[in-house]
Every structure is written in C-alpha cells, then in structure tokens.
Amino acid sequence: MGIIVQKFGGTSVGTVEKIKNAAERVIEEKQRGNDVVVVVSAMGKTTDQLVKMANEISEYPSKREMDMLLSTGEQVTISLLSMALLEKGFEAVSYTGWQAGMMTESVHGNARILNIDTSRIERPLKEGKIVVVAGFQGITEDDEITTLGRGGSDTTAVALAAALKADKCDIYTDVTGVFTTDPRYIKNARKLETISYDEMLELAQLGASVLHPRAVEYAKNYSVPLEVRSSIEREPGTIIEEEVTMEENLVVRGLAFEDQITRVTINGLTNSLTGLSDVFKTLANHHINVDIIIQSFSDERTNLSFSIKSNDLKETIEVLEKNKSLFPYEEIETESGLAKVSIVGSGMVSNPGVAAEMFAILAEEGIQVKMVSTSEIKVSTVIEDGQMVNAVESLHKTFGLSHSSVRS
C-alpha cells in the first residue's frame, strides 16, 4: 500500500457527470489498495466567470478580495466530489487549502507555497478515508487567504505529493498525455511516452498549458514521479522523470507557443553599473514577469528591450514611469500583437546548428524574428501573432515531430 495523489483539472470536473467520472477514477485507485489524496480545480469556466463578475464591479479589483472570491470555486468541487465518493460507499472528507495546511507567502494572486502541515491530511488517511483537497489556494501566517495563480492546482498536487512522500502523482486532464505540441492547433501532434523534468519545465514556462511550471519545478526538486493522463481514456499517459531515453533520436522533443506578448523598449537608459538591476528589480517587486531581454549600448546610453504578457503592459508602464528617477531614460516604446514560439529538446546540447535550422525554416516562411532567447535545451523567438500557427506547423513538420522518422 502506498500514497497516490491524483489531480483533476477544471475540464475533468466541469459537470456533475464528469465529477462522478472522476470519483470512479479515484475509487479504482483506492481499490488497488492505495491511500488516495485528490486535488481538484474549480469546475470548468468557474474561475473565468468569477473574474468576469469582479471586472463588472471594478476595473482593478482588490487582489485580496479577488483571492477571497476565486478560492470559492474549488470549494464547490471538493464538496461535490466528496459527496459522489460517499454516495458510492467510500469514506471521504474534503478540505480547503488552509484546512489542508497549505502555508503560502503573503502575495495575493500568485503566492508560492512555503510549507505544508500534513497532519490534518494524515489522520483521515490512516482511517482509510479518501482526502479531497482544494487546489490553487492556501493561507498566510496572518490567516489571509491566497491563491497560487492560474494553473496552481497542479502545484498544490505535486507539493502535497512531495510533503506526503507519495509514491506517485497523477495529473488527470482532457488530453491523454504530453504532446509534441498543442494538439488543438496542430492535428498531427504526437503523444510522448516520456519527457524529462527539464524539458517539461521549459515547455511549461514557454506556454504549454498541460502543466504549471511550479508543479514541474516541485516534481524535479523532490523527485516526485509524475504522470499526465486522460481523465476519460483508460490508457497510459506521459511519464515525467529525471532521465529519459532520447525517443527516436529526436533532437527537438516539443514546441511551445503563446500569444498576447508585448515587447517593451526603454530608449536612452542612463548607463550605470546598477541600471539594469534597478529596472528588473523594480519590475520584480511588482510581480511583473519579464521574459526575453535584449540590450544595446552607445557611449552614454543603453536601449533595453524585453517581452512581457500583454495583460501586464499597463502596470509595467506605470511602474517604469513612477520610478523614472531611479533609472532615468528618454522614452518607452511598446509593440503588441506578438507571439512567442519555442523549440525544446535535451538533444540540442550535443547537436549544434539547431537554432540556425530554426531560423532558416522561419525565413523560408517569410516570418520575421523580432527577439531571440536561448538556453542549452531551448530556442525561443518572438514573431508577429498572425504568423504563430504557421511557424509552429512548419517547425513541427521539419523537425520530424509528427511521425517516427529519425533525425540525427
């Protein structure tokens, strides 16, 4: 007997019938002789609906009150799933994030987990009960309710698996595993049998929505065995682990992409030893995530460009203007309507020329590259939004991801 943590996303619990189906998957695991902890998201589009109602009241609602509001979504799901399990004759108990001992930092809307007191969960597990926990939420040392950001239920599940020293964490979703790219856009995307933590972390950070980046980070740091699988289909999913065999010698293992990207350029930034750190430290203090960074120098001035999510643009401009005395500059330029397309693969470390091939493919399609960022296992490009799908289709085909051809 071991401990299995299961996580069901919003699409997997979007209706009462889907909640009953999730209950069947939980019962199957329980009948295998395991103790089961289940983490669930809010039903379907519940979070979006709550955000919409808040925005009808206030253009910029209080972040504290938004956490109070959004945390209610998961509470609906945990109670209904527990009822479904009880109705089937299996003892179950539901807990909110704070009841489950999920302690977080004091950041509303995007808090990080600091510690988990598992004692409240361990007691009913020892009694043979199934424990159902609300994902996406926690509490601060001052008893303030927080949320972990969109996709935070993944993080809750993996963090609980690590804290409980679970044998495995299964992420149930509406797809059968991790694909070479998003199958909703690219029809011949192929499911991967395995993928490394590092590759999955890059894909998640670069826009692949199947897993939250923090969840992958937790899994890697605490060596949590992770599997992404379908909540409907009874078939193996994708195993995420430390080391994987390079499947079919694929140098590129996956493509990630996301739209709603904006490039911000600060022109005429005063050259100083602390200029760059002052800019990015200030943005970080306001929890604005900066991605690709490019800088150019003249004798006395620096031009600095970086990419952000478009919905952070207004706050970014306000922060920069408010702190202009700290890092003087001449003007700010912005360009929206952009997208980021990235290739990822651990095989890129030992195969030079992959970036050059990527740029050549984009050039053949008449796609202009506006920004570039690289690491050992990924290359990211910023392009025009309207060319995103074409770029992904061309790269997916050329790098042999849609079939079993071998690339060397």
Protein backbone atom coordinates (compact mmCIF):
# COMPACT_ATOMS: atom_id res chain seq x y z
CA MET A 1 0.00 0.00 0.00
CA GLY A 2 1.25 3.44 -0.91
CA ILE A 3 0.03 7.01 -1.22
CA ILE A 4 -1.19 8.22 -4.60
CA VAL A 5 -2.03 11.88 -5.25
CA GLN A 6 -4.50 12.49 -8.07
CA LYS A 7 -5.27 15.89 -9.55
CA PHE A 8 -8.31 16.65 -11.71
CA GLY A 9 -8.37 19.87 -13.72
CA GLY A 10 -11.35 22.09 -14.41
CA THR A 11 -12.34 20.38 -17.66
CA SER A 12 -12.27 17.00 -15.92
CA VAL A 13 -14.76 18.14 -13.26
CA GLY A 14 -16.73 20.61 -15.37
CA THR A 15 -20.13 18.96 -14.87
CA VAL A 16 -21.78 16.71 -12.29
CA GLU A 17 -21.37 13.77 -14.68
CA LYS A 18 -17.65 14.49 -15.02
CA ILE A 19 -17.34 14.71 -11.24
CA LYS A 20 -18.97 11.27 -10.99
CA ASN A 21 -16.46 10.00 -13.57
CA ALA A 22 -13.58 11.48 -11.55
CA ALA A 23 -14.98 9.68 -8.50
CA GLU A 24 -14.79 6.39 -10.42
CA ARG A 25 -11.10 7.01 -11.20
CA VAL A 26 -10.45 7.75 -7.53
CA ILE A 27 -12.26 4.58 -6.46
CA GLU A 28 -10.23 2.49 -8.94
CA GLU A 29 -7.03 3.70 -7.29
CA LYS A 30 -8.42 3.10 -3.80
CA GLN A 31 -9.43 -0.44 -4.74
CA ARG A 32 -5.84 -1.14 -5.78
CA GLY A 33 -5.02 -0.84 -2.09
CA ASN A 34 -3.56 2.65 -2.07
CA ASP A 35 -4.28 5.63 0.15
CA VAL A 36 -5.59 8.39 -2.08
CA VAL A 37 -5.40 12.18 -1.85
CA VAL A 38 -7.31 14.04 -4.55
CA VAL A 39 -6.67 17.65 -5.57
CA VAL A 40 -9.28 19.40 -7.72
CA SER A 41 -9.67 22.65 -9.62
CA ALA A 42 -12.82 24.73 -9.93
CA MET A 43 -15.47 23.36 -12.28
CA GLY A 44 -14.97 24.26 -15.94
CA LYS A 45 -15.09 28.00 -16.55
CA THR A 46 -16.00 28.90 -12.95
CA THR A 47 -12.84 30.95 -12.36
CA ASP A 48 -13.35 32.88 -15.60
CA GLN A 49 -16.94 33.62 -14.62
CA LEU A 50 -15.89 34.88 -11.19
CA VAL A 51 -13.24 37.12 -12.76
CA LYS A 52 -15.84 38.47 -15.20
CA MET A 53 -18.23 39.36 -12.37
CA ALA A 54 -15.44 41.09 -10.45
CA ASN A 55 -14.49 43.14 -13.51
CA GLU A 56 -18.11 44.23 -13.92
CA ILE A 57 -17.81 45.81 -10.49
CA SER A 58 -14.27 47.16 -10.67
CA GLU A 59 -11.76 47.62 -13.49
CA TYR A 60 -8.95 46.95 -11.00
CA PRO A 61 -10.46 44.90 -8.16
CA SER A 62 -8.57 44.44 -4.89
CA LYS A 63 -6.15 41.50 -5.14
CA ARG A 64 -7.05 40.42 -1.61
CA GLU A 65 -10.75 40.32 -2.42
CA MET A 66 -10.05 38.53 -5.69
CA ASP A 67 -8.35 35.75 -3.71
CA MET A 68 -11.35 35.61 -1.38
CA LEU A 69 -13.63 35.33 -4.43
CA LEU A 70 -11.65 32.91 -6.60
CA SER A 71 -10.93 30.48 -3.78
CA THR A 72 -14.65 29.66 -3.60
CA GLY A 73 -14.57 27.86 -6.96
CA GLU A 74 -12.53 24.91 -5.71
CA GLN A 75 -14.68 24.60 -2.60
CA VAL A 76 -17.69 23.76 -4.76
CA THR A 77 -15.76 20.94 -6.46
CA ILE A 78 -14.29 19.35 -3.33
CA SER A 79 -17.68 19.09 -1.66
CA LEU A 80 -19.40 17.64 -4.74
CA LEU A 81 -16.61 15.10 -5.36
CA SER A 82 -16.68 14.03 -1.70
CA MET A 83 -20.46 13.59 -1.94
CA ALA A 84 -20.00 11.44 -5.07
CA LEU A 85 -17.48 9.23 -3.25
CA LEU A 86 -19.69 8.93 -0.17
CA GLU A 87 -22.65 8.02 -2.37
CA LYS A 88 -20.57 5.15 -3.80
CA GLY A 89 -19.91 3.84 -0.29
CA PHE A 90 -16.36 5.16 0.15
CA GLU A 91 -15.46 7.31 3.13
CA ALA A 92 -14.22 10.72 2.05
CA VAL A 93 -13.57 14.12 3.57
CA SER A 94 -12.95 17.46 1.84
CA TYR A 95 -10.55 20.20 2.95
CA THR A 96 -9.89 23.71 1.71
CA GLY A 97 -6.27 24.65 1.08
CA TRP A 98 -5.90 26.23 4.50
CA GLN A 99 -7.57 23.30 6.27
CA ALA A 100 -5.06 21.05 4.50
CA GLY A 101 -2.15 23.05 5.97
CA MET A 102 -1.09 24.85 2.79
CA MET A 103 1.01 27.79 4.06
CA THR A 104 2.00 30.43 1.49
CA GLU A 105 3.81 33.71 1.20
CA SER A 106 1.82 36.95 1.50
CA VAL A 107 1.36 37.61 -2.22
CA HIS A 108 -2.24 37.82 -3.37
CA GLY A 109 -3.00 36.29 -6.76
CA ASN A 110 0.31 34.48 -7.29
CA ALA A 111 1.56 33.14 -3.94
CA ARG A 112 4.21 30.48 -3.52
CA ILE A 113 3.86 27.58 -1.10
CA LEU A 114 6.22 27.91 1.86
CA ASN A 115 5.28 24.89 3.94
CA ILE A 116 2.64 22.17 4.25
CA ASP A 117 1.45 20.82 7.60
CA THR A 118 0.25 17.37 6.54
CA SER A 119 -1.04 16.27 9.96
CA ARG A 120 -4.66 17.18 9.12
CA ILE A 121 -4.49 15.02 5.98
CA GLU A 122 -2.60 12.11 7.51
CA ARG A 123 -5.22 11.42 10.21
CA PRO A 124 -8.11 10.56 7.86
CA LEU A 125 -5.73 8.69 5.54
CA LYS A 126 -4.80 6.39 8.44
CA GLU A 127 -8.53 5.83 8.98
CA GLY A 128 -8.86 4.65 5.39
CA LYS A 129 -10.64 7.75 4.13
CA ILE A 130 -10.11 9.43 0.77
CA VAL A 131 -8.99 13.03 1.28
CA VAL A 132 -10.16 15.64 -1.23
CA VAL A 133 -8.21 18.93 -1.20
CA ALA A 134 -8.97 22.24 -2.90
CA GLY A 135 -6.16 23.16 -5.25
CA PHE A 136 -4.93 26.65 -6.13
CA GLN A 137 -5.20 28.10 -2.62
CA GLY A 138 -3.52 28.47 0.75
CA ILE A 139 -3.19 30.76 3.75
CA THR A 140 -0.53 33.10 5.13
CA GLU A 141 0.81 33.23 8.67
CA ASP A 142 -1.58 36.17 9.18
CA ASP A 143 -4.55 33.96 8.19
CA GLU A 144 -5.04 35.70 4.85
CA ILE A 145 -6.43 33.52 2.04
CA THR A 146 -4.17 33.43 -1.03
CA THR A 147 -4.27 31.83 -4.45
CA LEU A 148 -1.35 30.33 -6.37
CA GLY A 149 -2.01 31.79 -9.81
CA ARG A 150 -3.73 30.19 -12.78
CA GLY A 151 -2.87 26.51 -13.01
CA GLY A 152 -1.92 26.47 -9.34
CA SER A 153 -3.85 23.27 -8.63
CA ASP A 154 -1.03 21.36 -10.36
CA THR A 155 1.36 22.93 -7.88
CA THR A 156 -0.87 22.00 -4.95
CA ALA A 157 -0.95 18.37 -6.08
CA VAL A 158 2.79 17.97 -6.61
CA ALA A 159 3.65 19.86 -3.42
CA LEU A 160 1.31 17.58 -1.45
CA ALA A 161 2.85 14.52 -3.10
CA ALA A 162 6.30 15.72 -2.05
CA ALA A 163 5.21 16.54 1.51
CA LEU A 164 3.43 13.19 1.94
CA LYS A 165 6.29 11.29 0.25
CA ALA A 166 3.71 9.86 -2.12
CA ASP A 167 4.57 7.01 -4.46
CA LYS A 168 3.22 8.93 -7.44
CA CYS A 169 1.28 11.99 -8.58
CA ASP A 170 -1.18 11.56 -11.45
CA ILE A 171 -2.37 14.67 -13.29
CA TYR A 172 -5.72 13.93 -14.95
CA THR A 173 -6.70 16.22 -17.80
CA ASP A 174 -8.67 16.33 -21.05
CA VAL A 175 -5.73 15.07 -23.14
CA THR A 176 -4.05 11.66 -22.96
CA GLY A 177 -0.59 12.99 -22.11
CA VAL A 178 2.09 15.48 -23.10
CA PHE A 179 2.21 16.04 -26.84
CA THR A 180 4.96 17.32 -29.12
CA THR A 181 2.85 20.48 -29.33
CA ASP A 182 -0.72 21.57 -28.62
CA PRO A 183 -2.98 19.08 -30.50
CA ARG A 184 -5.81 21.63 -30.54
CA TYR A 185 -3.78 23.64 -33.05
CA ILE A 186 -1.60 21.01 -34.73
CA LYS A 187 -3.63 17.92 -35.67
CA ASN A 188 -0.65 15.59 -36.17
CA ALA A 189 0.91 16.38 -32.79
CA ARG A 190 2.13 13.14 -31.19
CA LYS A 191 1.95 11.97 -27.58
CA LEU A 192 5.30 11.41 -25.88
CA GLU A 193 5.79 8.29 -23.75
CA THR A 194 8.30 10.06 -21.51
CA ILE A 195 9.83 13.50 -21.11
CA SER A 196 12.45 14.82 -18.70
CA TYR A 197 11.73 17.27 -15.90
CA ASP A 198 13.97 19.86 -17.57
CA GLU A 199 12.26 19.56 -20.95
CA MET A 200 8.79 19.70 -19.38
CA LEU A 201 9.79 22.70 -17.27
CA GLU A 202 10.94 24.59 -20.35
CA LEU A 203 7.74 23.71 -22.25
CA ALA A 204 5.56 24.74 -19.30
CA GLN A 205 7.38 28.05 -18.87
CA LEU A 206 7.16 28.73 -22.59
CA GLY A 207 3.39 28.41 -22.85
CA ALA A 208 2.50 24.70 -22.91
CA SER A 209 -0.62 24.66 -20.74
CA VAL A 210 -0.68 20.95 -19.84
CA LEU A 211 1.27 21.55 -16.60
CA HIS A 212 2.04 24.54 -14.40
CA PRO A 213 5.79 25.40 -14.29
CA ARG A 214 5.89 25.46 -10.50
CA ALA A 215 4.44 21.96 -10.40
CA VAL A 216 7.22 20.64 -12.63
CA GLU A 217 9.78 22.50 -10.54
CA TYR A 218 8.45 20.85 -7.37
CA ALA A 219 8.46 17.43 -9.03
CA LYS A 220 12.08 17.84 -10.13
CA ASN A 221 13.32 19.23 -6.81
CA TYR A 222 11.67 16.48 -4.76
CA SER A 223 11.90 13.64 -7.32
CA VAL A 224 8.13 13.16 -7.44
CA PRO A 225 7.12 10.57 -10.07
CA LEU A 226 4.63 12.38 -12.30
CA GLU A 227 2.24 11.15 -14.97
CA VAL A 228 -0.05 13.24 -17.18
CA ARG A 229 -3.02 11.15 -18.28
CA SER A 230 -6.60 11.31 -19.53
CA SER A 231 -9.50 11.50 -17.10
CA ILE A 232 -11.68 9.66 -19.65
CA GLU A 233 -9.49 7.26 -21.65
CA ARG A 234 -8.07 4.20 -19.85
CA GLU A 235 -4.59 4.33 -21.38
CA PRO A 236 -1.05 5.15 -20.22
CA GLY A 237 -0.15 8.83 -20.21
CA THR A 238 3.23 10.57 -20.33
CA ILE A 239 5.76 9.88 -17.59
CA ILE A 240 7.80 12.87 -16.45
CA GLU A 241 11.05 11.86 -14.80
CA GLU A 242 14.69 12.82 -14.35
CA GLU A 243 16.33 10.93 -17.19
CA VAL A 244 14.68 9.70 -20.36
CA THR A 245 15.95 7.91 -23.42
CA MET A 246 16.04 10.24 -26.39
CA GLU A 247 12.97 8.92 -28.18
CA GLU A 248 13.79 8.00 -31.78
CA ASN A 249 16.86 10.25 -31.60
CA LEU A 250 14.72 13.37 -31.74
CA VAL A 251 16.86 16.43 -31.15
CA VAL A 252 13.78 18.64 -30.70
CA ARG A 253 11.21 16.98 -28.43
CA GLY A 254 8.47 19.58 -28.36
CA LEU A 255 7.23 23.01 -29.40
CA ALA A 256 5.54 25.56 -27.15
CA PHE A 257 3.84 28.77 -28.16
CA GLU A 258 1.78 31.56 -26.66
CA ASP A 259 0.17 34.75 -27.94
CA GLN A 260 -0.61 38.02 -26.18
CA ILE A 261 3.07 39.00 -25.99
CA THR A 262 4.24 42.64 -25.92
CA ARG A 263 7.74 44.00 -26.45
CA VAL A 264 8.67 46.95 -24.24
CA THR A 265 11.68 49.08 -25.20
CA ILE A 266 13.28 51.62 -22.87
CA ASN A 267 15.31 54.02 -25.01
CA GLY A 268 18.08 56.22 -23.69
CA LEU A 269 18.54 54.49 -20.35
CA THR A 270 21.43 56.07 -18.48
CA ASN A 271 24.50 53.84 -18.45
CA SER A 272 25.35 52.80 -14.92
CA LEU A 273 26.54 49.69 -13.14
CA THR A 274 23.16 49.28 -11.41
CA GLY A 275 20.88 50.46 -14.23
CA LEU A 276 19.74 47.04 -15.44
CA SER A 277 19.38 45.61 -11.94
CA ASP A 278 17.35 48.64 -10.86
CA VAL A 279 14.91 48.20 -13.75
CA PHE A 280 14.34 44.48 -13.31
CA LYS A 281 14.38 44.55 -9.52
CA THR A 282 11.65 47.20 -9.60
CA LEU A 283 9.53 45.14 -12.01
CA ALA A 284 10.08 42.01 -9.93
CA ASN A 285 8.97 43.81 -6.78
CA HIS A 286 5.65 44.42 -8.56
CA HIS A 287 5.46 40.73 -9.59
CA ILE A 288 5.80 41.54 -13.31
CA ASN A 289 7.36 38.61 -15.14
CA VAL A 290 9.92 39.60 -17.76
CA ASP A 291 10.98 37.10 -20.39
CA ILE A 292 13.30 37.71 -23.35
CA ILE A 293 15.78 40.58 -22.81
CA ILE A 294 17.86 42.42 -25.42
CA GLN A 295 20.15 45.40 -24.80
CA SER A 296 22.34 47.63 -26.96
CA PHE A 297 24.88 50.21 -25.84
CA SER A 298 26.18 53.58 -27.04
CA ASP A 299 28.79 55.73 -25.33
CA GLU A 300 26.47 57.14 -22.70
CA ARG A 301 23.09 55.44 -23.17
CA THR A 302 21.53 51.97 -23.24
CA ASN A 303 18.49 50.79 -25.17
CA LEU A 304 16.76 47.92 -23.37
CA SER A 305 14.01 45.68 -24.77
CA PHE A 306 12.13 42.89 -23.01
CA SER A 307 8.98 40.87 -23.52
CA ILE A 308 6.01 40.59 -21.15
CA LYS A 309 2.49 39.24 -21.23
CA SER A 310 0.24 41.86 -22.80
CA ASN A 311 -2.09 42.00 -19.81
CA ASP A 312 0.85 43.27 -17.73
CA LEU A 313 1.52 46.20 -20.08
CA LYS A 314 -0.46 48.89 -18.30
CA GLU A 315 1.07 48.11 -14.92
CA THR A 316 4.55 47.84 -16.45
CA ILE A 317 4.34 51.34 -17.97
CA GLU A 318 3.00 52.77 -14.72
CA VAL A 319 5.84 51.19 -12.70
CA LEU A 320 8.52 52.40 -15.11
CA GLU A 321 7.17 55.94 -15.21
CA LYS A 322 6.75 56.09 -11.44
CA ASN A 323 10.38 55.03 -10.92
CA LYS A 324 11.99 57.11 -13.67
CA SER A 325 14.08 58.99 -11.11
CA LEU A 326 15.71 55.70 -10.09
CA PHE A 327 16.74 54.79 -13.64
CA PRO A 328 16.46 57.86 -15.94
CA TYR A 329 15.53 57.18 -19.57
CA GLU A 330 14.34 59.15 -22.62
CA GLU A 331 11.23 57.26 -23.78
CA ILE A 332 9.33 53.98 -23.73
CA GLU A 333 8.14 52.24 -26.90
CA THR A 334 5.83 49.21 -26.99
CA GLU A 335 4.81 46.70 -29.65
CA SER A 336 1.86 44.39 -29.02
CA GLY A 337 0.25 41.75 -31.24
CA LEU A 338 3.23 39.42 -30.84
CA ALA A 339 3.63 35.73 -30.05
CA LYS A 340 6.42 33.51 -28.76
CA VAL A 341 7.33 30.23 -30.46
CA SER A 342 9.91 27.92 -28.89
CA ILE A 343 11.59 24.59 -29.64
CA VAL A 344 12.72 22.38 -26.73
CA GLY A 345 14.88 19.27 -26.54
CA SER A 346 17.72 17.96 -24.40
CA GLY A 347 19.35 16.62 -27.58
CA MET A 348 20.10 20.20 -28.61
CA VAL A 349 23.01 20.25 -26.13
CA SER A 350 25.08 17.91 -28.31
CA ASN A 351 23.69 18.93 -31.71
CA PRO A 352 24.95 22.34 -32.88
CA GLY A 353 23.11 24.13 -35.65
CA VAL A 354 19.55 23.57 -34.40
CA ALA A 355 18.96 27.31 -33.89
CA ALA A 356 20.28 28.07 -37.37
CA GLU A 357 17.91 25.48 -38.83
CA MET A 358 15.00 27.02 -36.92
CA PHE A 359 15.77 30.49 -38.26
CA ALA A 360 16.14 29.13 -41.78
CA ILE A 361 12.71 27.48 -41.58
CA LEU A 362 11.09 30.70 -40.36
CA ALA A 363 12.84 32.70 -43.12
CA GLU A 364 11.53 30.31 -45.76
CA GLU A 365 8.02 31.01 -44.49
CA GLY A 366 8.61 34.78 -44.60
CA ILE A 367 8.38 35.08 -40.82
CA GLN A 368 10.40 37.88 -39.24
CA VAL A 369 12.10 37.13 -35.93
CA LYS A 370 11.88 40.13 -33.60
CA MET A 371 13.53 38.73 -30.44
CA VAL A 372 15.53 35.60 -29.58
CA SER A 373 16.37 33.80 -26.35
CA THR A 374 18.33 30.57 -25.95
CA SER A 375 19.37 28.05 -23.30
CA GLU A 376 21.06 24.67 -23.55
CA ILE A 377 17.79 22.94 -24.39
CA LYS A 378 15.57 25.60 -25.98
CA VAL A 379 15.40 28.39 -28.53
CA SER A 380 12.60 30.97 -28.24
CA THR A 381 11.61 33.51 -30.86
CA VAL A 382 9.16 36.41 -30.77
CA ILE A 383 7.22 36.89 -34.01
CA GLU A 384 4.01 38.52 -35.18
CA ASP A 385 0.90 36.97 -33.66
CA GLY A 386 -0.73 36.24 -37.01
CA GLN A 387 2.20 34.03 -38.05
CA MET A 388 2.25 31.90 -34.90
CA VAL A 389 0.36 28.81 -36.10
CA ASN A 390 2.17 28.77 -39.45
CA ALA A 391 5.51 28.90 -37.65
CA VAL A 392 4.57 26.03 -35.33
CA GLU A 393 3.27 23.87 -38.19
CA SER A 394 6.43 24.40 -40.24
CA LEU A 395 8.80 23.73 -37.33
CA HIS A 396 6.81 20.70 -36.15
CA LYS A 397 7.00 19.13 -39.60
CA THR A 398 10.62 19.97 -40.34
CA PHE A 399 11.95 18.67 -37.02
CA GLY A 400 10.17 15.34 -37.54
CA LEU A 401 7.81 15.52 -34.59
CA SER A 402 4.66 14.29 -36.30
CA HIS A 403 5.95 10.84 -37.29
CA SER A 404 8.55 8.24 -36.37
CA SER A 405 11.29 9.45 -38.69
CA VAL A 406 14.75 9.51 -37.14
CA ARG A 407 16.74 12.72 -37.00
CA SER A 408 20.44 12.73 -36.23
